[in-house]
Amino acid sequence: VMPTEMAYKYTDHPIEILGVGHSVVEYANPQNEHIGTINAYKQIHELTGLTGADCDLFMTNDFFLAQQLLSAEECGYLPKGEGWKYALDGRIAYDGDKPMNTNGGRTSYGHAFGASGMADVYEAVIQMRGEAGERQVKKTPKHTFLRGFGGAQNVRAIILGSDF
């Protein structure tokens, strides 16, 4: 991760961080992740003008499937209340029309505390560069939404963009 001007020394097609939204919520609140996601999403939308619907790939914490689908719905990537249908129909798979967690997510590769978010960034970048091999999504993403939840009840929303 570096300033775009520097990135051109290493590649003709840098992946840019278009914006970051962030929320820290009270641990004792039973809706902390939900509220944090809403707050971080509002920030990223105000900052970039983009919504989840503008993104081609969604990466999120998925300690269990409901959490993954609810965050995608809250961020506008999937229609509210419809995420379960997208999952059952295979639409969120890497070869579906609304791919999510194309690296298998934490329920597949595990959760290395503090490193899982970087694994999501790495996966987003290789997908956006068309370098993901057998799990490459059908449509190379121009925008990827990353939503993380973790340590100290932090929620972050990041949108990456590419110019190619």
N, C-alpha and C. Protein backbone atom coordinates (compact mmCIF):
# COMPACT_ATOMS: atom_id res chain seq x y z
N VAL A 1 0.86 -1.17 0.00
CA VAL A 1 0.00 0.00 0.00
C VAL A 1 0.90 1.23 0.00
N MET A 2 0.66 2.11 -0.96
CA MET A 2 1.50 3.30 -1.12
C MET A 2 0.73 4.34 -1.91
N PRO A 3 1.21 5.57 -1.94
CA PRO A 3 0.56 6.59 -2.76
C PRO A 3 0.53 6.17 -4.23
N THR A 4 -0.54 6.50 -4.92
CA THR A 4 -0.72 6.10 -6.32
C THR A 4 0.46 6.51 -7.18
N GLU A 5 0.98 7.71 -6.96
CA GLU A 5 2.11 8.18 -7.77
C GLU A 5 3.30 7.24 -7.66
N MET A 6 3.53 6.71 -6.46
CA MET A 6 4.64 5.77 -6.26
C MET A 6 4.32 4.42 -6.89
N ALA A 7 3.07 4.01 -6.86
CA ALA A 7 2.68 2.70 -7.37
C ALA A 7 3.01 2.55 -8.84
N TYR A 8 2.96 3.64 -9.59
CA TYR A 8 3.25 3.57 -11.02
C TYR A 8 4.71 3.18 -11.30
N LYS A 9 5.56 3.23 -10.29
CA LYS A 9 6.94 2.74 -10.46
C LYS A 9 6.96 1.21 -10.57
N TYR A 10 5.91 0.56 -10.05
CA TYR A 10 5.88 -0.89 -9.97
C TYR A 10 4.85 -1.54 -10.90
N THR A 11 3.86 -0.79 -11.33
CA THR A 11 2.81 -1.35 -12.17
C THR A 11 2.16 -0.24 -13.00
N ASP A 12 1.64 -0.61 -14.14
CA ASP A 12 0.89 0.33 -14.97
C ASP A 12 -0.57 0.42 -14.53
N HIS A 13 -0.99 -0.51 -13.68
CA HIS A 13 -2.39 -0.60 -13.27
C HIS A 13 -2.53 -0.72 -11.76
N PRO A 14 -2.29 0.35 -11.04
CA PRO A 14 -2.43 0.25 -9.57
C PRO A 14 -3.90 0.11 -9.15
N ILE A 15 -4.09 -0.53 -8.04
CA ILE A 15 -5.40 -0.61 -7.41
C ILE A 15 -5.43 0.51 -6.36
N GLU A 16 -6.43 1.36 -6.43
CA GLU A 16 -6.48 2.51 -5.54
C GLU A 16 -7.47 2.33 -4.40
N ILE A 17 -7.12 2.85 -3.25
CA ILE A 17 -8.05 2.94 -2.12
C ILE A 17 -8.86 4.21 -2.35
N LEU A 18 -10.14 4.04 -2.66
CA LEU A 18 -10.99 5.20 -2.95
C LEU A 18 -11.51 5.86 -1.68
N GLY A 19 -11.59 5.09 -0.62
CA GLY A 19 -12.04 5.67 0.65
C GLY A 19 -12.15 4.62 1.73
N VAL A 20 -12.19 5.10 2.97
CA VAL A 20 -12.30 4.24 4.15
C VAL A 20 -13.33 4.84 5.09
N GLY A 21 -14.25 4.02 5.54
CA GLY A 21 -15.20 4.40 6.58
C GLY A 21 -14.89 3.55 7.80
N HIS A 22 -15.15 4.08 9.00
CA HIS A 22 -14.76 3.38 10.21
C HIS A 22 -15.72 3.69 11.34
N SER A 23 -16.00 2.70 12.15
CA SER A 23 -16.88 2.90 13.30
C SER A 23 -16.40 2.01 14.45
N VAL A 24 -16.38 2.55 15.64
CA VAL A 24 -16.09 1.79 16.85
C VAL A 24 -17.36 1.83 17.69
N VAL A 25 -17.81 0.67 18.10
CA VAL A 25 -19.08 0.60 18.81
C VAL A 25 -18.91 -0.01 20.19
N GLU A 26 -19.86 0.25 21.05
CA GLU A 26 -19.84 -0.24 22.43
C GLU A 26 -20.03 -1.75 22.45
N TYR A 27 -19.11 -2.43 23.09
CA TYR A 27 -19.12 -3.89 23.14
C TYR A 27 -20.41 -4.45 23.76
N ALA A 28 -20.95 -3.76 24.73
CA ALA A 28 -22.12 -4.28 25.45
C ALA A 28 -23.40 -4.17 24.62
N ASN A 29 -23.38 -3.43 23.53
CA ASN A 29 -24.57 -3.29 22.70
C ASN A 29 -24.76 -4.56 21.88
N PRO A 30 -25.90 -5.24 22.02
CA PRO A 30 -26.08 -6.50 21.28
C PRO A 30 -26.14 -6.30 19.76
N GLN A 31 -26.35 -5.10 19.31
CA GLN A 31 -26.41 -4.81 17.88
C GLN A 31 -25.14 -4.11 17.39
N ASN A 32 -24.03 -4.28 18.12
CA ASN A 32 -22.83 -3.50 17.84
C ASN A 32 -22.32 -3.68 16.40
N GLU A 33 -22.26 -4.89 15.92
CA GLU A 33 -21.74 -5.11 14.56
C GLU A 33 -22.67 -4.50 13.51
N HIS A 34 -23.95 -4.65 13.72
CA HIS A 34 -24.94 -4.09 12.80
C HIS A 34 -24.85 -2.56 12.75
N ILE A 35 -24.83 -1.94 13.90
CA ILE A 35 -24.76 -0.47 13.97
C ILE A 35 -23.43 0.02 13.42
N GLY A 36 -22.35 -0.65 13.76
CA GLY A 36 -21.04 -0.27 13.23
C GLY A 36 -20.98 -0.36 11.72
N THR A 37 -21.58 -1.40 11.16
CA THR A 37 -21.61 -1.56 9.70
C THR A 37 -22.38 -0.41 9.05
N ILE A 38 -23.51 -0.07 9.62
CA ILE A 38 -24.31 1.04 9.08
C ILE A 38 -23.50 2.33 9.11
N ASN A 39 -22.84 2.61 10.23
CA ASN A 39 -22.06 3.85 10.36
C ASN A 39 -20.89 3.89 9.39
N ALA A 40 -20.14 2.80 9.29
CA ALA A 40 -18.99 2.77 8.38
C ALA A 40 -19.44 2.87 6.93
N TYR A 41 -20.56 2.23 6.60
CA TYR A 41 -21.09 2.29 5.23
C TYR A 41 -21.52 3.72 4.88
N LYS A 42 -22.19 4.39 5.80
CA LYS A 42 -22.59 5.78 5.53
C LYS A 42 -21.37 6.65 5.24
N GLN A 43 -20.32 6.45 6.01
CA GLN A 43 -19.10 7.25 5.80
C GLN A 43 -18.50 6.99 4.43
N ILE A 44 -18.37 5.74 4.04
CA ILE A 44 -17.73 5.42 2.76
C ILE A 44 -18.59 5.90 1.60
N HIS A 45 -19.90 5.81 1.75
CA HIS A 45 -20.79 6.31 0.70
C HIS A 45 -20.67 7.83 0.55
N GLU A 46 -20.65 8.53 1.68
CA GLU A 46 -20.50 10.00 1.63
C GLU A 46 -19.14 10.39 1.05
N LEU A 47 -18.12 9.64 1.35
CA LEU A 47 -16.77 9.95 0.89
C LEU A 47 -16.59 9.69 -0.61
N THR A 48 -17.11 8.55 -1.09
CA THR A 48 -16.85 8.15 -2.47
C THR A 48 -18.03 8.37 -3.42
N GLY A 49 -19.23 8.48 -2.88
CA GLY A 49 -20.42 8.55 -3.72
C GLY A 49 -20.84 7.19 -4.25
N LEU A 50 -20.11 6.14 -3.88
CA LEU A 50 -20.41 4.79 -4.34
C LEU A 50 -21.22 4.02 -3.31
N THR A 51 -21.98 3.06 -3.80
CA THR A 51 -22.74 2.18 -2.92
C THR A 51 -22.24 0.75 -3.13
N GLY A 52 -22.72 -0.15 -2.32
CA GLY A 52 -22.39 -1.55 -2.52
C GLY A 52 -22.84 -2.05 -3.88
N ALA A 53 -23.94 -1.51 -4.38
CA ALA A 53 -24.45 -1.91 -5.70
C ALA A 53 -23.49 -1.52 -6.82
N ASP A 54 -22.63 -0.56 -6.58
CA ASP A 54 -21.64 -0.13 -7.59
C ASP A 54 -20.43 -1.05 -7.62
N CYS A 55 -20.34 -1.98 -6.69
CA CYS A 55 -19.17 -2.84 -6.57
C CYS A 55 -19.41 -4.19 -7.25
N ASP A 56 -18.32 -4.77 -7.73
CA ASP A 56 -18.36 -6.04 -8.45
C ASP A 56 -17.95 -7.22 -7.59
N LEU A 57 -17.41 -6.95 -6.41
CA LEU A 57 -16.95 -7.99 -5.50
C LEU A 57 -17.11 -7.47 -4.09
N PHE A 58 -17.49 -8.35 -3.17
CA PHE A 58 -17.71 -7.98 -1.77
C PHE A 58 -16.92 -8.95 -0.90
N MET A 59 -16.03 -8.41 -0.09
CA MET A 59 -15.24 -9.20 0.85
C MET A 59 -15.65 -8.78 2.26
N THR A 60 -15.94 -9.76 3.12
CA THR A 60 -16.42 -9.43 4.46
C THR A 60 -16.09 -10.53 5.46
N ASN A 61 -16.10 -10.16 6.74
CA ASN A 61 -15.98 -11.17 7.79
C ASN A 61 -17.13 -12.16 7.62
N ASP A 62 -16.82 -13.42 7.79
CA ASP A 62 -17.85 -14.44 7.65
C ASP A 62 -17.68 -15.52 8.70
N PHE A 63 -17.62 -15.13 9.94
CA PHE A 63 -17.47 -16.12 10.99
C PHE A 63 -18.65 -17.09 10.95
N PHE A 64 -19.77 -16.64 10.41
CA PHE A 64 -20.90 -17.50 10.10
C PHE A 64 -21.65 -16.82 8.96
N LEU A 65 -22.37 -17.62 8.16
CA LEU A 65 -22.96 -17.13 6.91
C LEU A 65 -23.90 -15.95 7.12
N ALA A 66 -24.72 -15.98 8.16
CA ALA A 66 -25.67 -14.88 8.37
C ALA A 66 -24.96 -13.55 8.47
N GLN A 67 -23.83 -13.51 9.16
CA GLN A 67 -23.06 -12.28 9.31
C GLN A 67 -22.59 -11.77 7.96
N GLN A 68 -22.13 -12.67 7.11
CA GLN A 68 -21.68 -12.31 5.77
C GLN A 68 -22.83 -11.71 4.97
N LEU A 69 -23.96 -12.37 4.96
CA LEU A 69 -25.09 -11.91 4.15
C LEU A 69 -25.67 -10.61 4.69
N LEU A 70 -25.79 -10.49 6.01
CA LEU A 70 -26.35 -9.27 6.58
C LEU A 70 -25.48 -8.05 6.30
N SER A 71 -24.17 -8.21 6.36
CA SER A 71 -23.30 -7.07 6.06
C SER A 71 -23.41 -6.69 4.59
N ALA A 72 -23.52 -7.67 3.70
CA ALA A 72 -23.67 -7.38 2.27
C ALA A 72 -24.99 -6.67 1.98
N GLU A 73 -26.02 -7.05 2.72
CA GLU A 73 -27.32 -6.39 2.57
C GLU A 73 -27.27 -4.97 3.12
N GLU A 74 -26.67 -4.82 4.29
CA GLU A 74 -26.60 -3.49 4.94
C GLU A 74 -25.79 -2.51 4.10
N CYS A 75 -24.82 -3.00 3.36
CA CYS A 75 -23.97 -2.14 2.53
C CYS A 75 -24.47 -2.02 1.09
N GLY A 76 -25.65 -2.54 0.81
CA GLY A 76 -26.27 -2.36 -0.49
C GLY A 76 -25.74 -3.26 -1.60
N TYR A 77 -24.90 -4.23 -1.28
CA TYR A 77 -24.38 -5.14 -2.30
C TYR A 77 -25.46 -6.15 -2.70
N LEU A 78 -26.20 -6.63 -1.72
CA LEU A 78 -27.32 -7.53 -1.95
C LEU A 78 -28.60 -6.84 -1.47
N PRO A 79 -29.75 -7.15 -2.08
CA PRO A 79 -31.00 -6.56 -1.61
C PRO A 79 -31.33 -7.03 -0.19
N LYS A 80 -31.84 -6.13 0.62
CA LYS A 80 -32.18 -6.48 2.00
C LYS A 80 -33.19 -7.62 2.04
N GLY A 81 -32.87 -8.59 2.88
CA GLY A 81 -33.74 -9.75 3.07
C GLY A 81 -33.61 -10.81 1.99
N GLU A 82 -32.74 -10.59 1.01
CA GLU A 82 -32.61 -11.52 -0.11
C GLU A 82 -31.29 -12.29 -0.13
N GLY A 83 -30.38 -11.98 0.76
CA GLY A 83 -29.06 -12.60 0.74
C GLY A 83 -29.11 -14.12 0.77
N TRP A 84 -29.99 -14.67 1.57
CA TRP A 84 -30.09 -16.12 1.68
C TRP A 84 -30.44 -16.75 0.34
N LYS A 85 -31.26 -16.07 -0.46
CA LYS A 85 -31.63 -16.60 -1.78
C LYS A 85 -30.41 -16.60 -2.70
N TYR A 86 -29.62 -15.52 -2.62
CA TYR A 86 -28.40 -15.44 -3.44
C TYR A 86 -27.45 -16.57 -3.08
N ALA A 87 -27.35 -16.88 -1.78
CA ALA A 87 -26.47 -17.97 -1.34
C ALA A 87 -26.98 -19.32 -1.84
N LEU A 88 -28.26 -19.59 -1.67
CA LEU A 88 -28.83 -20.87 -2.10
C LEU A 88 -28.73 -21.06 -3.61
N ASP A 89 -28.86 -19.98 -4.36
CA ASP A 89 -28.79 -20.06 -5.82
C ASP A 89 -27.36 -20.05 -6.36
N GLY A 90 -26.37 -19.96 -5.47
CA GLY A 90 -24.97 -19.95 -5.91
C GLY A 90 -24.52 -18.63 -6.50
N ARG A 91 -25.29 -17.59 -6.32
CA ARG A 91 -24.97 -16.29 -6.93
C ARG A 91 -23.83 -15.57 -6.23
N ILE A 92 -23.50 -15.96 -4.97
CA ILE A 92 -22.40 -15.30 -4.26
C ILE A 92 -21.09 -16.08 -4.41
N ALA A 93 -21.12 -17.19 -5.13
CA ALA A 93 -19.91 -17.97 -5.38
C ALA A 93 -18.99 -17.19 -6.32
N TYR A 94 -17.73 -17.59 -6.41
CA TYR A 94 -16.78 -16.86 -7.25
C TYR A 94 -17.24 -16.81 -8.71
N ASP A 95 -18.02 -17.80 -9.15
CA ASP A 95 -18.49 -17.80 -10.53
C ASP A 95 -19.93 -17.31 -10.65
N GLY A 96 -20.47 -16.73 -9.58
CA GLY A 96 -21.82 -16.17 -9.61
C GLY A 96 -21.79 -14.71 -10.04
N ASP A 97 -22.96 -14.11 -10.12
CA ASP A 97 -23.05 -12.71 -10.57
C ASP A 97 -22.83 -11.70 -9.44
N LYS A 98 -22.83 -12.14 -8.19
CA LYS A 98 -22.57 -11.27 -7.03
C LYS A 98 -21.54 -11.94 -6.11
N PRO A 99 -20.31 -12.12 -6.61
CA PRO A 99 -19.31 -12.89 -5.85
C PRO A 99 -18.95 -12.24 -4.52
N MET A 100 -18.76 -13.11 -3.54
CA MET A 100 -18.37 -12.69 -2.20
C MET A 100 -17.29 -13.63 -1.68
N ASN A 101 -16.33 -13.09 -0.96
CA ASN A 101 -15.31 -13.89 -0.27
C ASN A 101 -14.77 -15.00 -1.18
N THR A 102 -14.23 -14.57 -2.30
CA THR A 102 -13.75 -15.50 -3.31
C THR A 102 -12.56 -16.35 -2.85
N ASN A 103 -11.94 -15.98 -1.75
CA ASN A 103 -10.86 -16.78 -1.17
C ASN A 103 -11.38 -17.83 -0.20
N GLY A 104 -12.67 -17.95 -0.08
CA GLY A 104 -13.28 -18.91 0.84
C GLY A 104 -13.63 -18.30 2.17
N GLY A 105 -13.08 -17.13 2.47
CA GLY A 105 -13.38 -16.46 3.72
C GLY A 105 -12.81 -17.18 4.93
N ARG A 106 -13.07 -16.62 6.08
CA ARG A 106 -12.52 -17.15 7.31
C ARG A 106 -13.06 -18.54 7.63
N THR A 107 -14.26 -18.85 7.16
CA THR A 107 -14.82 -20.18 7.42
C THR A 107 -14.10 -21.24 6.60
N SER A 108 -13.28 -20.81 5.64
CA SER A 108 -12.54 -21.75 4.80
C SER A 108 -11.06 -21.77 5.15
N TYR A 109 -10.41 -20.60 5.17
CA TYR A 109 -8.96 -20.57 5.36
C TYR A 109 -8.55 -20.30 6.80
N GLY A 110 -9.48 -20.07 7.69
CA GLY A 110 -9.16 -19.81 9.08
C GLY A 110 -9.10 -18.32 9.37
N HIS A 111 -8.81 -18.01 10.61
CA HIS A 111 -8.80 -16.61 11.02
C HIS A 111 -7.53 -16.33 11.80
N ALA A 112 -6.57 -15.78 11.12
CA ALA A 112 -5.33 -15.36 11.78
C ALA A 112 -5.57 -13.96 12.31
N PHE A 113 -5.81 -13.84 13.59
CA PHE A 113 -6.18 -12.56 14.19
C PHE A 113 -5.24 -11.46 13.73
N GLY A 114 -5.82 -10.42 13.20
CA GLY A 114 -5.04 -9.27 12.74
C GLY A 114 -4.56 -9.39 11.31
N ALA A 115 -4.57 -10.59 10.75
CA ALA A 115 -4.07 -10.78 9.38
C ALA A 115 -5.20 -11.07 8.38
N SER A 116 -6.36 -11.43 8.86
CA SER A 116 -7.46 -11.78 7.96
C SER A 116 -7.88 -10.63 7.06
N GLY A 117 -7.87 -9.43 7.61
CA GLY A 117 -8.21 -8.26 6.79
C GLY A 117 -7.25 -8.06 5.64
N MET A 118 -5.97 -8.30 5.90
CA MET A 118 -4.98 -8.18 4.82
C MET A 118 -5.14 -9.30 3.80
N ALA A 119 -5.58 -10.47 4.24
CA ALA A 119 -5.86 -11.56 3.29
C ALA A 119 -7.00 -11.14 2.36
N ASP A 120 -7.98 -10.43 2.89
CA ASP A 120 -9.08 -9.93 2.05
C ASP A 120 -8.58 -8.89 1.06
N VAL A 121 -7.72 -8.00 1.50
CA VAL A 121 -7.16 -6.99 0.59
C VAL A 121 -6.38 -7.67 -0.52
N TYR A 122 -5.55 -8.64 -0.16
CA TYR A 122 -4.77 -9.37 -1.15
C TYR A 122 -5.69 -10.04 -2.18
N GLU A 123 -6.72 -10.72 -1.69
CA GLU A 123 -7.65 -11.39 -2.59
C GLU A 123 -8.33 -10.38 -3.52
N ALA A 124 -8.75 -9.26 -2.97
CA ALA A 124 -9.40 -8.23 -3.79
C ALA A 124 -8.46 -7.75 -4.90
N VAL A 125 -7.21 -7.51 -4.55
CA VAL A 125 -6.25 -7.00 -5.53
C VAL A 125 -5.99 -8.02 -6.63
N ILE A 126 -5.80 -9.29 -6.28
CA ILE A 126 -5.53 -10.25 -7.35
C ILE A 126 -6.77 -10.47 -8.22
N GLN A 127 -7.96 -10.38 -7.63
CA GLN A 127 -9.18 -10.46 -8.44
C GLN A 127 -9.27 -9.26 -9.39
N MET A 128 -8.96 -8.07 -8.88
CA MET A 128 -9.06 -6.87 -9.69
C MET A 128 -8.00 -6.82 -10.79
N ARG A 129 -6.92 -7.53 -10.59
CA ARG A 129 -5.87 -7.62 -11.61
C ARG A 129 -6.09 -8.80 -12.55
N GLY A 130 -7.10 -9.62 -12.29
CA GLY A 130 -7.36 -10.79 -13.13
C GLY A 130 -6.35 -11.89 -12.92
N GLU A 131 -5.78 -11.98 -11.73
CA GLU A 131 -4.70 -12.94 -11.44
C GLU A 131 -5.10 -14.00 -10.43
N ALA A 132 -6.40 -14.28 -10.27
CA ALA A 132 -6.85 -15.20 -9.23
C ALA A 132 -6.93 -16.66 -9.69
N GLY A 133 -6.49 -16.94 -10.90
CA GLY A 133 -6.44 -18.32 -11.38
C GLY A 133 -7.80 -18.97 -11.46
N GLU A 134 -7.89 -20.19 -10.93
CA GLU A 134 -9.12 -20.97 -11.07
C GLU A 134 -10.32 -20.39 -10.33
N ARG A 135 -10.09 -19.48 -9.39
CA ARG A 135 -11.22 -18.86 -8.69
C ARG A 135 -11.48 -17.42 -9.16
N GLN A 136 -10.93 -17.05 -10.31
CA GLN A 136 -11.15 -15.72 -10.86
C GLN A 136 -12.64 -15.51 -11.14
N VAL A 137 -13.15 -14.37 -10.72
CA VAL A 137 -14.56 -14.06 -10.98
C VAL A 137 -14.79 -13.83 -12.47
N LYS A 138 -16.03 -14.01 -12.92
CA LYS A 138 -16.37 -13.87 -14.34
C LYS A 138 -16.07 -12.48 -14.87
N LYS A 139 -16.49 -11.47 -14.12
CA LYS A 139 -16.30 -10.08 -14.52
C LYS A 139 -15.20 -9.49 -13.64
N THR A 140 -14.08 -9.11 -14.25
CA THR A 140 -12.99 -8.55 -13.46
C THR A 140 -13.48 -7.29 -12.74
N PRO A 141 -13.38 -7.27 -11.42
CA PRO A 141 -13.93 -6.15 -10.65
C PRO A 141 -13.25 -4.80 -10.93
N LYS A 142 -14.06 -3.78 -11.11
CA LYS A 142 -13.58 -2.39 -11.17
C LYS A 142 -13.61 -1.77 -9.78
N HIS A 143 -14.59 -2.20 -8.98
CA HIS A 143 -14.72 -1.73 -7.60
C HIS A 143 -14.95 -2.94 -6.70
N THR A 144 -14.23 -2.96 -5.58
CA THR A 144 -14.41 -4.00 -4.58
C THR A 144 -14.70 -3.35 -3.24
N PHE A 145 -15.68 -3.88 -2.55
CA PHE A 145 -16.07 -3.41 -1.23
C PHE A 145 -15.49 -4.38 -0.21
N LEU A 146 -14.75 -3.85 0.76
CA LEU A 146 -14.22 -4.67 1.86
C LEU A 146 -14.85 -4.19 3.16
N ARG A 147 -15.45 -5.10 3.89
CA ARG A 147 -16.07 -4.76 5.17
C ARG A 147 -15.50 -5.68 6.23
N GLY A 148 -14.87 -5.09 7.22
CA GLY A 148 -14.24 -5.87 8.27
C GLY A 148 -14.84 -5.56 9.63
N PHE A 149 -14.78 -6.54 10.51
CA PHE A 149 -15.25 -6.38 11.89
C PHE A 149 -14.31 -7.15 12.78
N GLY A 150 -13.82 -6.49 13.83
CA GLY A 150 -12.90 -7.22 14.69
C GLY A 150 -12.44 -6.42 15.87
N GLY A 151 -11.24 -6.72 16.30
CA GLY A 151 -10.63 -6.19 17.50
C GLY A 151 -11.17 -4.87 18.00
N ALA A 152 -11.52 -4.85 19.26
CA ALA A 152 -12.05 -3.66 19.94
C ALA A 152 -13.35 -3.17 19.32
N GLN A 153 -14.08 -4.07 18.68
CA GLN A 153 -15.38 -3.76 18.09
C GLN A 153 -15.30 -2.70 17.00
N ASN A 154 -14.26 -2.77 16.21
CA ASN A 154 -14.06 -1.88 15.08
C ASN A 154 -14.73 -2.45 13.84
N VAL A 155 -15.39 -1.59 13.10
CA VAL A 155 -15.94 -1.97 11.80
C VAL A 155 -15.34 -1.00 10.79
N ARG A 156 -14.86 -1.54 9.67
CA ARG A 156 -14.31 -0.69 8.63
C ARG A 156 -14.95 -1.05 7.30
N ALA A 157 -15.07 -0.05 6.46
CA ALA A 157 -15.58 -0.23 5.10
C ALA A 157 -14.58 0.45 4.17
N ILE A 158 -14.13 -0.27 3.18
CA ILE A 158 -13.14 0.24 2.23
C ILE A 158 -13.64 -0.07 0.83
N ILE A 159 -13.47 0.89 -0.08
CA ILE A 159 -13.75 0.61 -1.48
C ILE A 159 -12.46 0.79 -2.25
N LEU A 160 -12.10 -0.25 -3.00
CA LEU A 160 -10.94 -0.21 -3.88
C LEU A 160 -11.42 -0.01 -5.31
N GLY A 161 -10.61 0.67 -6.12
CA GLY A 161 -10.97 0.89 -7.51
C GLY A 161 -9.80 0.66 -8.43
N SER A 162 -10.09 0.29 -9.67
CA SER A 162 -9.06 0.13 -10.67
C SER A 162 -9.43 0.92 -11.92
N ASP A 163 -8.43 1.26 -12.72
CA ASP A 163 -8.67 2.05 -13.92
C ASP A 163 -8.52 1.23 -15.19
N PHE A 164 -8.52 -0.07 -15.08
CA PHE A 164 -8.35 -0.91 -16.27
C PHE A 164 -9.38 -1.99 -16.33
